[in-house]
Amino acid sequence: MIITKAALPRRTFLRGMGSMLALPFLDAMVPALTALTQTVAKPVTRLGFVYVPNGIQLINWWPKSEGKEFEISPILSPLAQFRDHLTLVSGLSNKGDMNDEGGAAHSRPHTMWLTGARPKRTMGSDIEAGPSIDQIAARAIGGETPLRSLELALEPNFLVGNCETGYSCTYMNTFSWRTATQPMPRENNPRVVFERLFGGGGSNATRLAEMRRDRSVLDSVTEDLSRLQQTLGQEDQRTVDAYLGSVRDVEQRLQKTEARLDDVAVPSTSPLGIPHQFREHADLMFDLQFLAYQADMTRVVSYQIARELSSRAYPEIGVAEAHHEISHHQNNPERMGKNTKINTYHVELFSRLVKRMHETPDGDGSLLDHSILLYGSGMGDGDQHTPHNLPVLLVGKGGGQLRSGRHLRYPIDTPMMNLGATLLNKVDVHVERVGDSTGLLSSL
């Protein structure tokens, strides 16, 4: 790391007409005083929460051994190269108060995943659950970033009314809750997310006209960029070039998607199109999450790969049946195999984000070193809707707060929110209780 005498402010933007780009962490942002004290400026910790629906084929998820000697299971094979950054946590459950009103086998575990609070049975507007740990964290650490948090999805969230045995569709649309009565809507359109990250003004009609001319947000910040580059060292220049290249790559992919819709009338007040291909859509959204972390636009992101009861089929991997249907495999080997394929495919999609964060420098380590990503589902065995032994995977080292490269087994039915409270504690957000938590997890 090269330390300069005059430090560039950490919150530095490139500004242009209708555009505003935050910069990633640079050597030039480390003050000279830091060098004199022989320390490195402490990077911030990012949190991520990635949800997959309908449980997991647990026999192909859990390794048989514990501790540092755990083996990579079939479903986790796309993450094998990042083994030292993985922490598997078994024994956690999401059962809450089992004296329930019946039904809602999907709505309740989805809502409870990050809240530990059972949702109120209602089809009306009087919905109620509890604040989720992503939003508790965002409230504490999100004030330092332009966006307090980002809530992403790959399926639309327009379902309303009764989705499952008297429970509002809201409980399946999102797993993030700012308060017990305020769910956080999810955004599934990558163009809208891109505009939130990099749009700095101007009307929607003006931006649409620019996009139709194949203009880039980078075109409007050329003057600011030229002045900046004259002050940067070679390493910082390479970092900025790589970052802007990533922004442009995402933008070009969005423009290609939108070009396919040229024959469709798009009102100027409407968001532009979503990729038709699921993989393309998922990759774009994960890349936007990566850029948001890299530029420190937000430190808390939650991502719903699909909602519970998802009927999505995956013909691209040889599964023509709906995911929910296949998850009820009834121990049929062929259906269990297809369910495992879907589970593995979801992990493969997630591995794109992990790889990019692992390869991206951030202070004295990488983005992945300074992050904690929680990947999992609100239920364990999807065939039986069991809330026990949830599939829980942590990726990253949390800036040294997480000792990764292990499989930790806790007593069965340890509340999932014991993990939630522990993760908050690791980012210096201390709470007495979250939902049904009973304490912190030891040894994590």
Protein backbone atom coordinates (compact mmCIF):
# COMPACT_ATOMS: atom_id res chain seq x y z
CA MET A 1 0.00 0.00 0.00
CA ILE A 2 1.35 3.44 -0.97
CA ILE A 3 0.43 6.16 1.53
CA THR A 4 0.03 9.74 0.29
CA LYS A 5 0.45 12.87 2.39
CA ALA A 6 -2.91 14.36 1.43
CA ALA A 7 -5.73 11.88 1.88
CA LEU A 8 -8.63 11.70 -0.55
CA PRO A 9 -11.98 11.69 1.31
CA ARG A 10 -13.40 8.16 1.61
CA ARG A 11 -16.76 9.43 0.45
CA THR A 12 -15.57 10.73 -2.94
CA PHE A 13 -17.85 10.86 -5.98
CA LEU A 14 -17.43 11.41 -9.69
CA ARG A 15 -20.28 13.67 -10.73
CA GLY A 16 -21.84 14.44 -14.07
CA MET A 17 -25.17 15.35 -15.65
CA GLY A 18 -27.64 12.89 -14.11
CA SER A 19 -24.86 10.63 -12.77
CA MET A 20 -22.95 10.18 -9.54
CA LEU A 21 -20.37 7.41 -9.02
CA ALA A 22 -18.89 6.65 -5.61
CA LEU A 23 -15.28 5.48 -5.71
CA PRO A 24 -13.96 2.22 -4.25
CA PHE A 25 -11.43 2.22 -1.41
CA LEU A 26 -8.10 3.63 -2.65
CA ASP A 27 -4.61 4.00 -1.20
CA ALA A 28 -5.07 7.75 -1.60
CA MET A 29 -7.85 7.62 0.99
CA VAL A 30 -5.42 6.51 3.74
CA PRO A 31 -4.11 9.58 5.62
CA ALA A 32 -0.39 10.06 6.10
CA LEU A 33 -0.85 9.89 9.87
CA THR A 34 -1.96 6.28 9.48
CA ALA A 35 1.36 5.41 7.86
CA LEU A 36 3.29 7.09 10.66
CA THR A 37 1.58 4.91 13.24
CA GLN A 38 2.42 1.77 11.21
CA THR A 39 -1.23 0.72 10.92
CA VAL A 40 -3.66 0.26 8.08
CA ALA A 41 -6.99 2.09 8.01
CA LYS A 42 -9.66 -0.33 9.22
CA PRO A 43 -11.94 -1.42 6.37
CA VAL A 44 -15.67 -1.53 6.96
CA THR A 45 -17.60 -4.79 7.28
CA ARG A 46 -20.31 -5.64 4.76
CA LEU A 47 -23.27 -7.91 5.51
CA GLY A 48 -25.20 -9.95 2.94
CA PHE A 49 -28.21 -12.24 3.27
CA VAL A 50 -29.11 -14.61 0.40
CA TYR A 51 -32.33 -16.63 0.60
CA VAL A 52 -33.30 -19.76 -1.30
CA PRO A 53 -36.83 -21.23 -1.01
CA ASN A 54 -38.43 -24.61 -0.38
CA GLY A 55 -35.72 -25.96 1.90
CA ILE A 56 -32.63 -27.92 0.81
CA GLN A 57 -31.82 -31.54 0.03
CA LEU A 58 -30.04 -31.80 3.38
CA ILE A 59 -28.36 -35.16 2.78
CA ASN A 60 -26.39 -33.47 -0.01
CA TRP A 61 -25.81 -30.23 1.91
CA TRP A 62 -24.28 -31.21 5.26
CA PRO A 63 -20.73 -32.55 5.50
CA LYS A 64 -20.36 -35.63 7.70
CA SER A 65 -17.37 -34.32 9.66
CA GLU A 66 -17.03 -31.29 11.91
CA GLY A 67 -14.38 -28.69 12.64
CA LYS A 68 -11.67 -27.81 10.13
CA GLU A 69 -11.70 -31.29 8.58
CA PHE A 70 -15.14 -30.96 7.02
CA GLU A 71 -15.51 -32.07 3.42
CA ILE A 72 -17.23 -30.05 0.69
CA SER A 73 -20.69 -31.52 0.10
CA PRO A 74 -22.17 -31.94 -3.42
CA ILE A 75 -24.45 -28.88 -3.16
CA LEU A 76 -21.59 -26.69 -1.92
CA SER A 77 -19.17 -27.87 -4.62
CA PRO A 78 -19.32 -24.54 -6.57
CA LEU A 79 -17.70 -22.92 -3.50
CA ALA A 80 -14.93 -25.48 -3.06
CA GLN A 81 -12.13 -23.05 -3.98
CA PHE A 82 -13.26 -20.73 -1.17
CA ARG A 83 -13.24 -23.43 1.52
CA ASP A 84 -11.15 -21.34 3.91
CA HIS A 85 -13.82 -18.63 3.83
CA LEU A 86 -16.74 -20.99 4.58
CA THR A 87 -18.38 -21.57 7.96
CA LEU A 88 -21.14 -24.17 8.15
CA VAL A 89 -23.43 -23.91 11.17
CA SER A 90 -25.69 -26.91 11.86
CA GLY A 91 -28.32 -27.57 14.53
CA LEU A 92 -30.17 -24.25 14.16
CA SER A 93 -33.96 -24.21 13.94
CA ASN A 94 -36.69 -21.80 13.02
CA LYS A 95 -39.61 -23.29 14.87
CA GLY A 96 -40.62 -20.48 17.23
CA ASP A 97 -43.81 -21.16 19.16
CA MET A 98 -45.09 -24.49 17.87
CA ASN A 99 -48.56 -23.85 19.37
CA ASP A 100 -49.63 -22.32 16.11
CA GLU A 101 -52.81 -21.63 14.22
CA GLY A 102 -51.95 -24.16 11.53
CA GLY A 103 -50.95 -23.82 7.90
CA ALA A 104 -48.59 -21.32 6.27
CA ALA A 105 -45.77 -23.87 6.10
CA HIS A 106 -43.89 -21.58 3.71
CA SER A 107 -44.93 -18.07 4.76
CA ARG A 108 -43.93 -18.46 8.39
CA PRO A 109 -40.38 -19.86 8.02
CA HIS A 110 -39.67 -17.29 5.29
CA THR A 111 -40.75 -14.44 7.57
CA MET A 112 -38.99 -15.87 10.61
CA TRP A 113 -35.64 -16.47 8.87
CA LEU A 114 -34.14 -13.12 9.92
CA THR A 115 -36.74 -12.02 12.48
CA GLY A 116 -37.33 -15.01 14.75
CA ALA A 117 -40.88 -13.65 15.05
CA ARG A 118 -43.96 -15.56 13.95
CA PRO A 119 -46.07 -13.55 11.52
CA LYS A 120 -49.59 -12.57 12.44
CA ARG A 121 -52.22 -14.56 10.58
CA THR A 122 -54.02 -12.02 8.43
CA MET A 123 -54.92 -11.38 4.82
CA GLY A 124 -55.35 -7.65 5.38
CA SER A 125 -53.12 -4.66 5.96
CA ASP A 126 -52.63 -5.41 9.67
CA ILE A 127 -49.53 -7.51 8.97
CA GLU A 128 -47.07 -8.01 11.81
CA ALA A 129 -43.81 -9.88 12.37
CA GLY A 130 -40.66 -8.34 13.82
CA PRO A 131 -37.59 -6.32 12.82
CA SER A 132 -35.12 -8.42 10.84
CA ILE A 133 -31.40 -8.54 11.59
CA ASP A 134 -30.47 -7.01 8.23
CA GLN A 135 -32.56 -3.96 9.07
CA ILE A 136 -31.34 -3.81 12.66
CA ALA A 137 -27.80 -3.72 11.25
CA ALA A 138 -28.75 -1.18 8.58
CA ARG A 139 -30.25 1.12 11.19
CA ALA A 140 -26.97 1.06 13.14
CA ILE A 141 -24.35 1.14 10.36
CA GLY A 142 -26.29 2.29 7.30
CA GLY A 143 -26.19 5.98 8.15
CA GLU A 144 -22.61 6.19 6.90
CA THR A 145 -23.54 5.20 3.33
CA PRO A 146 -25.76 6.75 0.63
CA LEU A 147 -28.12 3.77 0.78
CA ARG A 148 -28.98 2.34 4.18
CA SER A 149 -29.65 -1.08 2.64
CA LEU A 150 -30.54 -2.80 -0.61
CA GLU A 151 -33.31 -5.39 -0.95
CA LEU A 152 -33.03 -7.43 -4.16
CA ALA A 153 -35.08 -10.23 -5.71
CA LEU A 154 -35.37 -12.23 -8.91
CA GLU A 155 -39.14 -12.60 -8.82
CA PRO A 156 -41.74 -9.79 -8.77
CA ASN A 157 -43.29 -8.76 -5.46
CA PHE A 158 -46.72 -7.70 -6.71
CA LEU A 159 -48.62 -10.63 -5.12
CA VAL A 160 -51.37 -9.37 -2.84
CA GLY A 161 -54.13 -10.81 -0.69
CA ASN A 162 -54.12 -14.39 0.60
CA CYS A 163 -51.15 -16.45 -0.54
CA GLU A 164 -51.25 -19.31 1.95
CA THR A 165 -54.03 -20.44 4.31
CA GLY A 166 -55.05 -17.00 5.51
CA TYR A 167 -51.60 -15.37 5.49
CA SER A 168 -50.92 -12.21 3.49
CA CYS A 169 -48.72 -12.45 0.39
CA THR A 170 -46.49 -9.84 2.03
CA TYR A 171 -44.97 -12.60 4.14
CA MET A 172 -43.67 -14.29 0.99
CA ASN A 173 -42.71 -11.13 -0.90
CA THR A 174 -39.95 -10.16 1.53
CA PHE A 175 -37.98 -11.42 4.51
CA SER A 176 -36.72 -7.94 5.49
CA TRP A 177 -38.67 -5.94 8.06
CA ARG A 178 -37.69 -2.46 9.23
CA THR A 179 -40.16 -2.72 12.12
CA ALA A 180 -42.74 -5.28 13.22
CA THR A 181 -45.29 -3.68 10.89
CA GLN A 182 -43.09 -2.27 8.11
CA PRO A 183 -41.84 -4.83 5.55
CA MET A 184 -39.16 -3.75 3.11
CA PRO A 185 -40.17 -4.12 -0.57
CA ARG A 186 -37.74 -5.89 -2.87
CA GLU A 187 -36.55 -4.67 -6.25
CA ASN A 188 -36.23 -7.19 -9.07
CA ASN A 189 -35.44 -4.79 -11.92
CA PRO A 190 -31.68 -4.35 -12.43
CA ARG A 191 -32.13 -1.02 -14.24
CA VAL A 192 -33.91 0.43 -11.22
CA VAL A 193 -31.10 -0.79 -8.95
CA PHE A 194 -28.47 0.65 -11.30
CA GLU A 195 -30.20 4.04 -11.20
CA ARG A 196 -30.32 3.94 -7.40
CA LEU A 197 -26.59 3.30 -7.29
CA PHE A 198 -25.36 5.59 -10.06
CA GLY A 199 -28.17 7.95 -11.08
CA GLY A 200 -27.50 11.38 -9.61
CA GLY A 201 -30.35 13.42 -10.98
CA GLY A 202 -32.22 14.32 -14.15
CA SER A 203 -35.65 13.17 -15.21
CA ASN A 204 -36.51 9.60 -16.11
CA ALA A 205 -37.36 10.75 -19.65
CA THR A 206 -33.92 12.36 -20.06
CA ARG A 207 -32.09 9.28 -18.80
CA LEU A 208 -34.17 7.05 -21.05
CA ALA A 209 -33.27 9.18 -24.08
CA GLU A 210 -29.57 8.94 -23.17
CA MET A 211 -29.77 5.18 -22.80
CA ARG A 212 -31.48 4.82 -26.16
CA ARG A 213 -28.49 6.63 -27.69
CA ASP A 214 -26.25 4.01 -26.08
CA ARG A 215 -24.71 6.63 -23.82
CA SER A 216 -22.95 5.65 -20.63
CA VAL A 217 -23.08 7.19 -17.17
CA LEU A 218 -19.28 7.23 -17.48
CA ASP A 219 -19.50 9.69 -20.39
CA SER A 220 -20.85 12.36 -18.06
CA VAL A 221 -18.09 12.05 -15.45
CA THR A 222 -15.13 12.31 -17.86
CA GLU A 223 -14.07 15.75 -16.62
CA ASP A 224 -14.14 14.73 -12.95
CA LEU A 225 -12.34 11.48 -13.77
CA SER A 226 -9.56 13.26 -15.66
CA ARG A 227 -8.87 15.58 -12.73
CA LEU A 228 -8.88 12.67 -10.28
CA GLN A 229 -6.47 10.49 -12.25
CA GLN A 230 -3.85 13.25 -12.21
CA THR A 231 -3.68 12.90 -8.42
CA LEU A 232 -3.57 9.09 -8.15
CA GLY A 233 -0.71 6.64 -8.04
CA GLN A 234 -0.47 3.77 -10.54
CA GLU A 235 -2.06 1.18 -8.26
CA ASP A 236 -5.04 3.45 -7.54
CA GLN A 237 -5.42 4.21 -11.23
CA ARG A 238 -5.62 0.48 -11.95
CA THR A 239 -8.23 0.08 -9.18
CA VAL A 240 -10.36 2.90 -10.57
CA ASP A 241 -10.04 1.60 -14.14
CA ALA A 242 -11.14 -1.90 -13.07
CA TYR A 243 -14.08 -0.50 -11.08
CA LEU A 244 -15.29 1.72 -13.93
CA GLY A 245 -14.87 -1.22 -16.30
CA SER A 246 -17.19 -3.28 -14.08
CA VAL A 247 -19.74 -0.46 -14.02
CA ARG A 248 -19.62 -0.18 -17.80
CA ASP A 249 -19.93 -3.95 -18.22
CA VAL A 250 -23.14 -4.01 -16.15
CA GLU A 251 -24.47 -0.98 -18.02
CA GLN A 252 -23.81 -2.55 -21.43
CA ARG A 253 -25.59 -5.74 -20.40
CA LEU A 254 -28.57 -3.67 -19.29
CA GLN A 255 -28.58 -1.81 -22.59
CA LYS A 256 -28.53 -5.09 -24.54
CA THR A 257 -31.51 -6.30 -22.52
CA GLU A 258 -33.38 -3.06 -23.13
CA ALA A 259 -32.54 -3.15 -26.86
CA ARG A 260 -34.54 -6.37 -27.14
CA LEU A 261 -37.59 -4.41 -25.98
CA ASP A 262 -37.33 -1.71 -28.64
CA ASP A 263 -40.46 -3.01 -30.36
CA VAL A 264 -42.42 -2.65 -27.11
CA ALA A 265 -43.74 0.73 -26.03
CA VAL A 266 -42.17 1.59 -22.67
CA PRO A 267 -43.78 4.55 -20.83
CA SER A 268 -41.18 7.07 -19.67
CA THR A 269 -42.32 6.64 -16.07
CA SER A 270 -41.93 2.85 -16.09
CA PRO A 271 -38.82 0.85 -15.20
CA LEU A 272 -37.08 -0.74 -18.16
CA GLY A 273 -36.97 -4.43 -18.91
CA ILE A 274 -35.73 -7.45 -16.99
CA PRO A 275 -33.61 -10.10 -18.77
CA HIS A 276 -35.64 -13.01 -20.09
CA GLN A 277 -32.95 -15.50 -19.14
CA PHE A 278 -32.91 -16.34 -15.44
CA ARG A 279 -29.12 -16.78 -15.30
CA GLU A 280 -28.55 -13.41 -16.95
CA HIS A 281 -30.95 -11.77 -14.50
CA ALA A 282 -29.31 -13.39 -11.48
CA ASP A 283 -25.79 -12.48 -12.62
CA LEU A 284 -26.75 -8.84 -13.16
CA MET A 285 -28.25 -8.55 -9.70
CA PHE A 286 -25.25 -10.19 -8.02
CA ASP A 287 -22.92 -7.88 -9.96
CA LEU A 288 -24.92 -4.87 -8.78
CA GLN A 289 -24.61 -6.13 -5.20
CA PHE A 290 -20.85 -6.42 -5.71
CA LEU A 291 -20.58 -2.87 -7.07
CA ALA A 292 -22.65 -1.53 -4.18
CA TYR A 293 -20.20 -3.13 -1.73
CA GLN A 294 -17.08 -2.09 -3.64
CA ALA A 295 -18.10 1.57 -3.81
CA ASP A 296 -19.42 1.47 -0.23
CA MET A 297 -22.83 2.65 -1.43
CA THR A 298 -24.35 0.33 1.15
CA ARG A 299 -23.06 -2.19 3.66
CA VAL A 300 -26.21 -4.28 4.01
CA VAL A 301 -27.78 -6.21 1.13
CA SER A 302 -30.46 -8.90 1.19
CA TYR A 303 -31.14 -10.99 -1.93
CA GLN A 304 -34.08 -13.33 -2.54
CA ILE A 305 -33.20 -15.81 -5.27
CA ALA A 306 -36.84 -16.94 -5.26
CA ARG A 307 -39.83 -16.67 -2.94
CA GLU A 308 -41.31 -19.60 -1.08
CA LEU A 309 -43.69 -21.77 -3.13
CA SER A 310 -41.71 -20.71 -6.22
CA SER A 311 -43.00 -22.44 -9.34
CA ARG A 312 -39.91 -21.62 -11.38
CA ALA A 313 -38.60 -24.48 -13.50
CA TYR A 314 -34.95 -24.81 -14.49
CA PRO A 315 -34.81 -26.41 -17.95
CA GLU A 316 -31.31 -24.99 -18.42
CA ILE A 317 -30.05 -27.59 -15.92
CA GLY A 318 -32.44 -30.36 -16.95
CA VAL A 319 -35.27 -29.73 -14.47
CA ALA A 320 -38.54 -29.04 -16.29
CA GLU A 321 -40.72 -29.34 -13.19
CA ALA A 322 -41.48 -26.47 -10.80
CA HIS A 323 -39.09 -26.13 -7.88
CA HIS A 324 -41.82 -26.38 -5.23
CA GLU A 325 -43.17 -29.54 -6.83
CA ILE A 326 -39.72 -31.14 -6.96
CA SER A 327 -38.96 -30.16 -3.34
CA HIS A 328 -41.75 -32.56 -2.31
CA HIS A 329 -39.71 -35.51 -3.53
CA GLN A 330 -41.20 -38.15 -1.16
CA ASN A 331 -37.76 -39.81 -1.11
CA ASN A 332 -37.98 -40.61 -4.79
CA PRO A 333 -34.33 -40.85 -5.95
CA GLU A 334 -34.96 -39.18 -9.31
CA ARG A 335 -36.80 -36.23 -7.74
CA MET A 336 -34.20 -35.93 -4.98
CA GLY A 337 -31.55 -35.75 -7.68
CA LYS A 338 -33.41 -32.96 -9.46
CA ASN A 339 -33.89 -31.09 -6.20
CA THR A 340 -30.15 -31.36 -5.55
CA LYS A 341 -29.50 -29.97 -9.03
CA ILE A 342 -31.61 -26.89 -8.25
CA ASN A 343 -29.94 -26.41 -4.87
CA THR A 344 -26.48 -26.68 -6.45
CA TYR A 345 -27.43 -24.29 -9.25
CA HIS A 346 -28.48 -21.66 -6.72
CA VAL A 347 -25.11 -22.01 -4.94
CA GLU A 348 -23.36 -21.70 -8.30
CA LEU A 349 -25.17 -18.40 -8.94
CA PHE A 350 -24.11 -17.16 -5.50
CA SER A 351 -20.51 -18.23 -6.12
CA ARG A 352 -20.22 -15.48 -8.75
CA LEU A 353 -20.53 -12.85 -6.02
CA VAL A 354 -18.15 -14.71 -3.72
CA LYS A 355 -15.50 -14.99 -6.45
CA ARG A 356 -15.62 -11.31 -7.35
CA MET A 357 -15.39 -10.25 -3.71
CA HIS A 358 -12.49 -12.66 -3.14
CA GLU A 359 -10.58 -11.16 -6.08
CA THR A 360 -11.17 -7.51 -5.12
CA PRO A 361 -8.62 -5.78 -2.83
CA ASP A 362 -10.02 -3.87 0.13
CA GLY A 363 -7.51 -2.30 2.51
CA ASP A 364 -5.27 -5.01 3.95
CA GLY A 365 -7.33 -7.86 2.47
CA SER A 366 -10.18 -8.49 0.08
CA LEU A 367 -13.85 -7.53 0.05
CA LEU A 368 -14.62 -11.09 1.07
CA ASP A 369 -12.21 -10.91 4.00
CA HIS A 370 -14.11 -7.90 5.29
CA SER A 371 -17.62 -9.27 4.77
CA ILE A 372 -20.04 -11.79 6.21
CA LEU A 373 -22.52 -13.34 3.78
CA LEU A 374 -25.31 -15.54 5.16
CA TYR A 375 -26.75 -18.03 2.66
CA GLY A 376 -29.63 -20.35 3.47
CA SER A 377 -33.33 -21.13 3.73
CA GLY A 378 -36.04 -20.72 6.34
CA MET A 379 -36.78 -24.43 6.43
CA GLY A 380 -34.62 -27.53 6.49
CA ASP A 381 -36.28 -30.44 4.71
CA GLY A 382 -38.64 -29.00 2.10
CA ASP A 383 -40.41 -32.32 1.61
CA GLN A 384 -41.73 -32.29 5.19
CA HIS A 385 -41.63 -28.52 5.77
CA THR A 386 -39.45 -29.06 8.83
CA PRO A 387 -38.03 -25.98 10.58
CA HIS A 388 -35.18 -28.03 12.08
CA ASN A 389 -31.46 -28.13 11.26
CA LEU A 390 -31.65 -25.25 8.80
CA PRO A 391 -29.08 -25.10 6.00
CA VAL A 392 -26.84 -22.27 7.22
CA LEU A 393 -23.68 -21.13 5.44
CA LEU A 394 -21.54 -18.12 6.33
CA VAL A 395 -19.00 -16.88 3.79
CA GLY A 396 -16.26 -14.36 4.60
CA LYS A 397 -14.19 -13.44 7.63
CA GLY A 398 -15.92 -10.29 8.84
CA GLY A 399 -12.66 -8.38 9.16
CA GLY A 400 -11.24 -11.05 11.46
CA GLN A 401 -14.39 -11.38 13.56
CA LEU A 402 -15.28 -14.75 12.05
CA ARG A 403 -12.94 -17.75 12.24
CA SER A 404 -13.89 -19.44 8.99
CA GLY A 405 -12.99 -22.76 7.38
CA ARG A 406 -15.03 -24.81 9.88
CA HIS A 407 -18.22 -26.79 10.37
CA LEU A 408 -19.75 -25.98 13.76
CA ARG A 409 -22.47 -28.23 15.16
CA TYR A 410 -24.80 -26.86 17.87
CA PRO A 411 -27.52 -28.69 19.83
CA ILE A 412 -30.57 -29.37 17.65
CA ASP A 413 -33.27 -26.70 17.85
CA THR A 414 -30.87 -23.94 18.86
CA PRO A 415 -32.77 -20.81 17.74
CA MET A 416 -31.69 -19.42 14.39
CA MET A 417 -31.79 -15.96 15.94
CA ASN A 418 -28.98 -16.91 18.30
CA LEU A 419 -26.92 -16.74 15.13
CA GLY A 420 -28.66 -13.49 14.18
CA ALA A 421 -27.74 -11.84 17.47
CA THR A 422 -24.18 -13.16 17.16
CA LEU A 423 -23.74 -11.70 13.67
CA LEU A 424 -25.00 -8.33 14.88
CA ASN A 425 -22.54 -8.51 17.74
CA LYS A 426 -19.68 -9.07 15.28
CA VAL A 427 -20.44 -5.74 13.54
CA ASP A 428 -20.67 -3.93 16.91
CA VAL A 429 -24.46 -3.87 16.98
CA HIS A 430 -25.36 -5.13 20.43
CA VAL A 431 -28.94 -6.15 21.19
CA GLU A 432 -30.43 -7.95 24.17
CA ARG A 433 -32.63 -10.18 22.05
CA VAL A 434 -33.80 -10.75 18.48
CA GLY A 435 -37.12 -12.55 18.08
CA ASP A 436 -36.89 -15.91 19.87
CA SER A 437 -33.14 -15.76 20.54
CA THR A 438 -31.88 -17.10 23.85
CA GLY A 439 -28.24 -16.00 23.72
CA LEU A 440 -25.14 -15.82 21.53
CA LEU A 441 -23.46 -18.73 19.78
CA SER A 442 -20.18 -19.69 21.38
CA SER A 443 -17.09 -20.57 19.33
CA LEU A 444 -18.31 -18.76 16.18
